[in-house]
Every structure is written in C-alpha cells, then in structure tokens.
Amino acid sequence: MHEITLCQRALEIVEQHALANDATRVSAVWLKIGAFSCVEPASVSFCFELVCRGTIAEGCQLHIEEQQAECWCPTCQQYVHLLSQHVRRCPDCGSDRLRIVADDGFQIQRIEVIEE
C-alpha cells in the first residue's frame, strides 16, 4: 500500500508549512487525487489519519477531491474526461485507444492552520 508513504510525505509538507507560519495546530488539509494516479481515496483517508496521530495535524479534517483525467481519443478526434482508471474507453465512441493527456496525480491543494 503506497498510500501510507504518500501520506507520510504529505504530512511532512503540512508540518513544514505549519512551522513556517507559527501554527500551533493544523485544522484541515485538502488533497486532490487524479483518476489515473493509482491512489485509492479510502486508503488515503485511513492512512492520513494514522500518520497524523501524535502530530500537529492530529484530528484535522481531510478533504479529498477526485479529479477526472483528460484523455485524447484518436477515433473521435476530441478530448474526453474519465473519472476512473478502471474504465479506459471513450464515453462517446467506445474506443479503447485513449491517450492520457493530463492527470494531476496526488497534490496538496490547501492547508488550514491555527496560529495562537
């Protein structure tokens, strides 16, 4: 499960941001997970809560946005958007020759901290 490693790294970044802003607590974190990133949002939720225990981010709210991947369909000659890596067919023509153009992977979008 690589989600634990991703969450550990995300926590490091969150803690660095909190320290740089003299925060006493992290209250919320927003993550964006791309459709083809091979990252399971449910696993991220579980792992993030686990790695935050005993840290400045313990108990923070985690917000996860699942982002569609943009793909090019050579058959339709147009861009299409897919929400799941498990369905790799064009929603318009059914072609399985889609080429992934954009998928943002795993990103921290926003961090909310409390300064006291």
N, C-alpha and C. Protein backbone atom coordinates (compact mmCIF):
# COMPACT_ATOMS: atom_id res chain seq x y z
N MET A 1 0.86 -1.18 0.00
CA MET A 1 0.00 0.00 0.00
C MET A 1 0.90 1.24 0.00
N HIS A 2 1.01 1.89 -1.15
CA HIS A 2 1.86 3.07 -1.25
C HIS A 2 1.19 4.33 -0.70
N GLU A 3 -0.09 4.24 -0.38
CA GLU A 3 -0.79 5.40 0.19
C GLU A 3 -0.17 5.84 1.51
N ILE A 4 0.34 4.91 2.30
CA ILE A 4 0.96 5.27 3.58
C ILE A 4 2.18 6.15 3.34
N THR A 5 2.99 5.81 2.34
CA THR A 5 4.17 6.61 2.02
C THR A 5 3.76 7.99 1.51
N LEU A 6 2.75 8.04 0.67
CA LEU A 6 2.26 9.34 0.17
C LEU A 6 1.76 10.20 1.33
N CYS A 7 1.05 9.59 2.25
CA CYS A 7 0.52 10.34 3.40
C CYS A 7 1.64 10.81 4.32
N GLN A 8 2.65 9.99 4.50
CA GLN A 8 3.79 10.41 5.33
C GLN A 8 4.48 11.62 4.72
N ARG A 9 4.68 11.60 3.42
CA ARG A 9 5.32 12.73 2.73
C ARG A 9 4.42 13.96 2.78
N ALA A 10 3.12 13.77 2.58
CA ALA A 10 2.18 14.89 2.66
C ALA A 10 2.21 15.51 4.06
N LEU A 11 2.27 14.68 5.08
CA LEU A 11 2.34 15.18 6.45
C LEU A 11 3.61 15.99 6.67
N GLU A 12 4.74 15.54 6.13
CA GLU A 12 5.98 16.31 6.25
C GLU A 12 5.80 17.71 5.67
N ILE A 13 5.17 17.80 4.52
CA ILE A 13 4.94 19.10 3.87
C ILE A 13 3.98 19.94 4.70
N VAL A 14 2.93 19.32 5.21
CA VAL A 14 1.96 20.03 6.06
C VAL A 14 2.64 20.58 7.30
N GLU A 15 3.47 19.75 7.94
CA GLU A 15 4.18 20.19 9.15
C GLU A 15 5.15 21.33 8.84
N GLN A 16 5.84 21.26 7.72
CA GLN A 16 6.75 22.34 7.32
C GLN A 16 5.98 23.64 7.13
N HIS A 17 4.84 23.55 6.49
CA HIS A 17 4.00 24.73 6.27
C HIS A 17 3.52 25.30 7.60
N ALA A 18 3.10 24.44 8.49
CA ALA A 18 2.61 24.88 9.79
C ALA A 18 3.71 25.57 10.58
N LEU A 19 4.90 24.98 10.61
CA LEU A 19 6.01 25.58 11.34
C LEU A 19 6.42 26.93 10.74
N ALA A 20 6.41 27.02 9.42
CA ALA A 20 6.77 28.27 8.75
C ALA A 20 5.78 29.39 9.05
N ASN A 21 4.57 29.02 9.45
CA ASN A 21 3.54 30.01 9.75
C ASN A 21 3.23 30.11 11.24
N ASP A 22 4.14 29.61 12.06
CA ASP A 22 4.00 29.66 13.52
C ASP A 22 2.66 29.11 13.99
N ALA A 23 2.22 28.05 13.37
CA ALA A 23 0.93 27.45 13.73
C ALA A 23 1.09 26.52 14.92
N THR A 24 0.04 26.45 15.71
CA THR A 24 0.03 25.52 16.84
C THR A 24 -0.73 24.24 16.49
N ARG A 25 -1.51 24.32 15.40
CA ARG A 25 -2.32 23.17 15.02
C ARG A 25 -2.72 23.28 13.55
N VAL A 26 -2.82 22.15 12.89
CA VAL A 26 -3.37 22.07 11.54
C VAL A 26 -4.82 21.66 11.69
N SER A 27 -5.73 22.45 11.14
CA SER A 27 -7.15 22.13 11.32
C SER A 27 -7.77 21.42 10.11
N ALA A 28 -7.19 21.62 8.92
CA ALA A 28 -7.75 20.96 7.74
C ALA A 28 -6.71 20.88 6.62
N VAL A 29 -6.85 19.84 5.81
CA VAL A 29 -5.98 19.64 4.65
C VAL A 29 -6.86 19.22 3.47
N TRP A 30 -6.60 19.82 2.31
CA TRP A 30 -7.31 19.49 1.09
C TRP A 30 -6.34 18.81 0.13
N LEU A 31 -6.72 17.61 -0.34
CA LEU A 31 -5.91 16.86 -1.29
C LEU A 31 -6.68 16.67 -2.58
N LYS A 32 -5.95 16.63 -3.69
CA LYS A 32 -6.55 16.30 -4.98
C LYS A 32 -5.89 15.02 -5.48
N ILE A 33 -6.73 14.06 -5.87
CA ILE A 33 -6.25 12.77 -6.34
C ILE A 33 -6.75 12.56 -7.76
N GLY A 34 -5.81 12.41 -8.69
CA GLY A 34 -6.15 12.18 -10.09
C GLY A 34 -6.71 10.79 -10.33
N ALA A 35 -7.57 10.69 -11.31
CA ALA A 35 -8.25 9.43 -11.61
C ALA A 35 -7.30 8.29 -11.95
N PHE A 36 -6.19 8.60 -12.61
CA PHE A 36 -5.26 7.55 -13.03
C PHE A 36 -4.01 7.51 -12.16
N SER A 37 -4.07 8.06 -10.97
CA SER A 37 -2.91 8.12 -10.09
C SER A 37 -2.64 6.81 -9.36
N CYS A 38 -3.53 5.85 -9.46
CA CYS A 38 -3.42 4.56 -8.76
C CYS A 38 -3.41 4.75 -7.24
N VAL A 39 -4.10 5.79 -6.78
CA VAL A 39 -4.21 6.08 -5.35
C VAL A 39 -5.68 5.96 -4.98
N GLU A 40 -5.96 5.16 -3.97
CA GLU A 40 -7.34 4.94 -3.53
C GLU A 40 -7.71 5.95 -2.45
N PRO A 41 -8.72 6.79 -2.69
CA PRO A 41 -9.11 7.80 -1.71
C PRO A 41 -9.44 7.24 -0.33
N ALA A 42 -10.10 6.09 -0.25
CA ALA A 42 -10.44 5.50 1.05
C ALA A 42 -9.17 5.12 1.81
N SER A 43 -8.18 4.60 1.11
CA SER A 43 -6.91 4.25 1.75
C SER A 43 -6.17 5.49 2.22
N VAL A 44 -6.24 6.56 1.42
CA VAL A 44 -5.62 7.82 1.81
C VAL A 44 -6.25 8.35 3.09
N SER A 45 -7.56 8.30 3.18
CA SER A 45 -8.24 8.77 4.40
C SER A 45 -7.77 8.01 5.63
N PHE A 46 -7.72 6.68 5.50
CA PHE A 46 -7.28 5.85 6.61
C PHE A 46 -5.82 6.13 6.98
N CYS A 47 -4.96 6.14 5.97
CA CYS A 47 -3.52 6.31 6.21
C CYS A 47 -3.19 7.71 6.73
N PHE A 48 -3.88 8.72 6.22
CA PHE A 48 -3.60 10.08 6.65
C PHE A 48 -3.93 10.24 8.14
N GLU A 49 -5.07 9.71 8.55
CA GLU A 49 -5.43 9.77 9.97
C GLU A 49 -4.39 9.03 10.82
N LEU A 50 -3.93 7.92 10.33
CA LEU A 50 -2.93 7.11 11.04
C LEU A 50 -1.61 7.87 11.21
N VAL A 51 -1.08 8.46 10.13
CA VAL A 51 0.22 9.13 10.22
C VAL A 51 0.15 10.44 10.98
N CYS A 52 -1.05 11.02 11.10
CA CYS A 52 -1.19 12.29 11.82
C CYS A 52 -1.26 12.12 13.33
N ARG A 53 -1.46 10.91 13.80
CA ARG A 53 -1.55 10.68 15.25
C ARG A 53 -0.28 11.16 15.96
N GLY A 54 -0.48 11.94 17.01
CA GLY A 54 0.63 12.44 17.80
C GLY A 54 1.39 13.59 17.16
N THR A 55 0.83 14.19 16.10
CA THR A 55 1.49 15.32 15.42
C THR A 55 0.62 16.56 15.53
N ILE A 56 1.13 17.64 14.99
CA ILE A 56 0.40 18.91 14.98
C ILE A 56 -0.88 18.83 14.13
N ALA A 57 -0.96 17.81 13.28
CA ALA A 57 -2.12 17.64 12.40
C ALA A 57 -3.13 16.61 12.91
N GLU A 58 -2.90 16.08 14.10
CA GLU A 58 -3.83 15.07 14.63
C GLU A 58 -5.23 15.65 14.72
N GLY A 59 -6.20 14.90 14.20
CA GLY A 59 -7.60 15.31 14.28
C GLY A 59 -8.02 16.33 13.23
N CYS A 60 -7.12 16.68 12.32
CA CYS A 60 -7.51 17.67 11.30
C CYS A 60 -8.51 17.05 10.33
N GLN A 61 -9.30 17.91 9.71
CA GLN A 61 -10.26 17.44 8.72
C GLN A 61 -9.52 17.21 7.41
N LEU A 62 -9.80 16.10 6.77
CA LEU A 62 -9.20 15.79 5.48
C LEU A 62 -10.28 15.88 4.41
N HIS A 63 -10.03 16.70 3.40
CA HIS A 63 -10.95 16.87 2.28
C HIS A 63 -10.25 16.30 1.04
N ILE A 64 -10.91 15.39 0.37
CA ILE A 64 -10.33 14.77 -0.82
C ILE A 64 -11.20 15.07 -2.03
N GLU A 65 -10.55 15.61 -3.06
CA GLU A 65 -11.23 15.85 -4.33
C GLU A 65 -10.68 14.86 -5.34
N GLU A 66 -11.57 14.11 -5.95
CA GLU A 66 -11.15 13.19 -7.00
C GLU A 66 -11.28 13.92 -8.33
N GLN A 67 -10.17 13.98 -9.06
CA GLN A 67 -10.15 14.74 -10.30
C GLN A 67 -10.19 13.82 -11.51
N GLN A 68 -10.95 14.21 -12.49
CA GLN A 68 -11.02 13.45 -13.73
C GLN A 68 -9.71 13.59 -14.50
N ALA A 69 -9.39 12.56 -15.27
CA ALA A 69 -8.23 12.61 -16.15
C ALA A 69 -8.68 13.05 -17.53
N GLU A 70 -7.88 13.88 -18.15
CA GLU A 70 -8.17 14.31 -19.51
C GLU A 70 -7.46 13.36 -20.48
N CYS A 71 -8.19 12.86 -21.44
CA CYS A 71 -7.64 11.91 -22.41
C CYS A 71 -7.98 12.36 -23.83
N TRP A 72 -7.14 11.96 -24.78
CA TRP A 72 -7.36 12.24 -26.18
C TRP A 72 -7.84 10.96 -26.86
N CYS A 73 -8.95 11.07 -27.58
CA CYS A 73 -9.48 9.93 -28.32
C CYS A 73 -9.13 10.14 -29.80
N PRO A 74 -8.22 9.31 -30.34
CA PRO A 74 -7.85 9.47 -31.74
C PRO A 74 -8.98 9.10 -32.71
N THR A 75 -9.91 8.30 -32.26
CA THR A 75 -11.03 7.91 -33.11
C THR A 75 -12.01 9.07 -33.28
N CYS A 76 -12.38 9.70 -32.15
CA CYS A 76 -13.31 10.84 -32.17
C CYS A 76 -12.62 12.15 -32.53
N GLN A 77 -11.29 12.15 -32.34
CA GLN A 77 -10.51 13.38 -32.53
C GLN A 77 -10.98 14.48 -31.57
N GLN A 78 -11.15 14.08 -30.30
CA GLN A 78 -11.55 15.04 -29.28
C GLN A 78 -11.05 14.61 -27.90
N TYR A 79 -11.05 15.57 -26.98
CA TYR A 79 -10.67 15.30 -25.60
C TYR A 79 -11.88 14.80 -24.84
N VAL A 80 -11.66 13.82 -23.98
CA VAL A 80 -12.71 13.30 -23.11
C VAL A 80 -12.17 13.24 -21.69
N HIS A 81 -13.06 13.18 -20.72
CA HIS A 81 -12.67 13.13 -19.31
C HIS A 81 -13.16 11.83 -18.70
N LEU A 82 -12.28 11.19 -17.93
CA LEU A 82 -12.60 9.94 -17.26
C LEU A 82 -12.35 10.09 -15.77
N LEU A 83 -13.19 9.48 -14.95
CA LEU A 83 -13.06 9.57 -13.51
C LEU A 83 -12.43 8.32 -12.91
N SER A 84 -12.32 7.26 -13.67
CA SER A 84 -11.81 6.01 -13.12
C SER A 84 -10.74 5.41 -14.03
N GLN A 85 -9.69 4.91 -13.42
CA GLN A 85 -8.66 4.23 -14.18
C GLN A 85 -9.13 2.86 -14.66
N HIS A 86 -10.23 2.38 -14.13
CA HIS A 86 -10.74 1.06 -14.47
C HIS A 86 -11.55 1.07 -15.77
N VAL A 87 -12.00 2.23 -16.18
CA VAL A 87 -12.77 2.37 -17.42
C VAL A 87 -11.94 3.21 -18.38
N ARG A 88 -11.33 2.55 -19.35
CA ARG A 88 -10.44 3.26 -20.28
C ARG A 88 -11.01 3.23 -21.69
N ARG A 89 -12.28 3.50 -21.79
CA ARG A 89 -12.95 3.56 -23.09
C ARG A 89 -13.56 4.95 -23.26
N CYS A 90 -13.53 5.40 -24.49
CA CYS A 90 -14.12 6.70 -24.81
C CYS A 90 -15.62 6.65 -24.52
N PRO A 91 -16.14 7.61 -23.75
CA PRO A 91 -17.57 7.60 -23.44
C PRO A 91 -18.43 7.92 -24.67
N ASP A 92 -17.82 8.46 -25.73
CA ASP A 92 -18.59 8.82 -26.93
C ASP A 92 -18.62 7.70 -27.97
N CYS A 93 -17.45 7.11 -28.27
CA CYS A 93 -17.39 6.11 -29.34
C CYS A 93 -17.03 4.70 -28.87
N GLY A 94 -16.59 4.56 -27.61
CA GLY A 94 -16.23 3.25 -27.08
C GLY A 94 -14.82 2.80 -27.40
N SER A 95 -14.03 3.62 -28.06
CA SER A 95 -12.66 3.27 -28.42
C SER A 95 -11.83 3.02 -27.17
N ASP A 96 -10.91 2.04 -27.25
CA ASP A 96 -10.02 1.76 -26.13
C ASP A 96 -8.61 2.28 -26.41
N ARG A 97 -8.47 3.16 -27.38
CA ARG A 97 -7.16 3.70 -27.76
C ARG A 97 -6.90 5.08 -27.14
N LEU A 98 -7.50 5.37 -26.00
CA LEU A 98 -7.34 6.67 -25.37
C LEU A 98 -5.90 6.91 -24.94
N ARG A 99 -5.46 8.14 -25.05
CA ARG A 99 -4.13 8.55 -24.61
C ARG A 99 -4.31 9.57 -23.48
N ILE A 100 -3.73 9.28 -22.33
CA ILE A 100 -3.85 10.19 -21.18
C ILE A 100 -3.05 11.46 -21.49
N VAL A 101 -3.72 12.60 -21.36
CA VAL A 101 -3.10 13.89 -21.63
C VAL A 101 -2.75 14.60 -20.33
N ALA A 102 -3.67 14.54 -19.36
CA ALA A 102 -3.45 15.24 -18.09
C ALA A 102 -4.11 14.48 -16.95
N ASP A 103 -3.32 14.27 -15.92
CA ASP A 103 -3.79 13.68 -14.68
C ASP A 103 -2.87 14.21 -13.59
N ASP A 104 -3.42 14.97 -12.66
CA ASP A 104 -2.59 15.68 -11.69
C ASP A 104 -2.05 14.82 -10.56
N GLY A 105 -2.29 13.53 -10.60
CA GLY A 105 -1.71 12.65 -9.60
C GLY A 105 -2.22 12.91 -8.20
N PHE A 106 -1.32 13.24 -7.30
CA PHE A 106 -1.63 13.42 -5.88
C PHE A 106 -1.05 14.77 -5.46
N GLN A 107 -1.91 15.71 -5.07
CA GLN A 107 -1.47 17.06 -4.72
C GLN A 107 -2.10 17.55 -3.43
N ILE A 108 -1.33 18.33 -2.69
CA ILE A 108 -1.89 19.08 -1.57
C ILE A 108 -2.40 20.39 -2.15
N GLN A 109 -3.67 20.65 -2.01
CA GLN A 109 -4.26 21.86 -2.57
C GLN A 109 -4.28 23.02 -1.58
N ARG A 110 -4.54 22.69 -0.30
CA ARG A 110 -4.70 23.74 0.70
C ARG A 110 -4.44 23.17 2.08
N ILE A 111 -3.88 24.02 2.95
CA ILE A 111 -3.64 23.64 4.34
C ILE A 111 -4.18 24.75 5.20
N GLU A 112 -4.99 24.39 6.18
CA GLU A 112 -5.57 25.38 7.10
C GLU A 112 -4.94 25.17 8.47
N VAL A 113 -4.35 26.24 9.00
CA VAL A 113 -3.68 26.13 10.29
C VAL A 113 -4.28 27.12 11.29
N ILE A 114 -4.02 26.85 12.57
CA ILE A 114 -4.45 27.73 13.64
C ILE A 114 -3.19 28.32 14.27
N GLU A 115 -3.13 29.63 14.31
CA GLU A 115 -1.99 30.33 14.91
C GLU A 115 -2.43 30.88 16.25
N GLU A 116 -1.67 30.60 17.28
CA GLU A 116 -2.03 31.11 18.62
C GLU A 116 -0.86 31.79 19.24
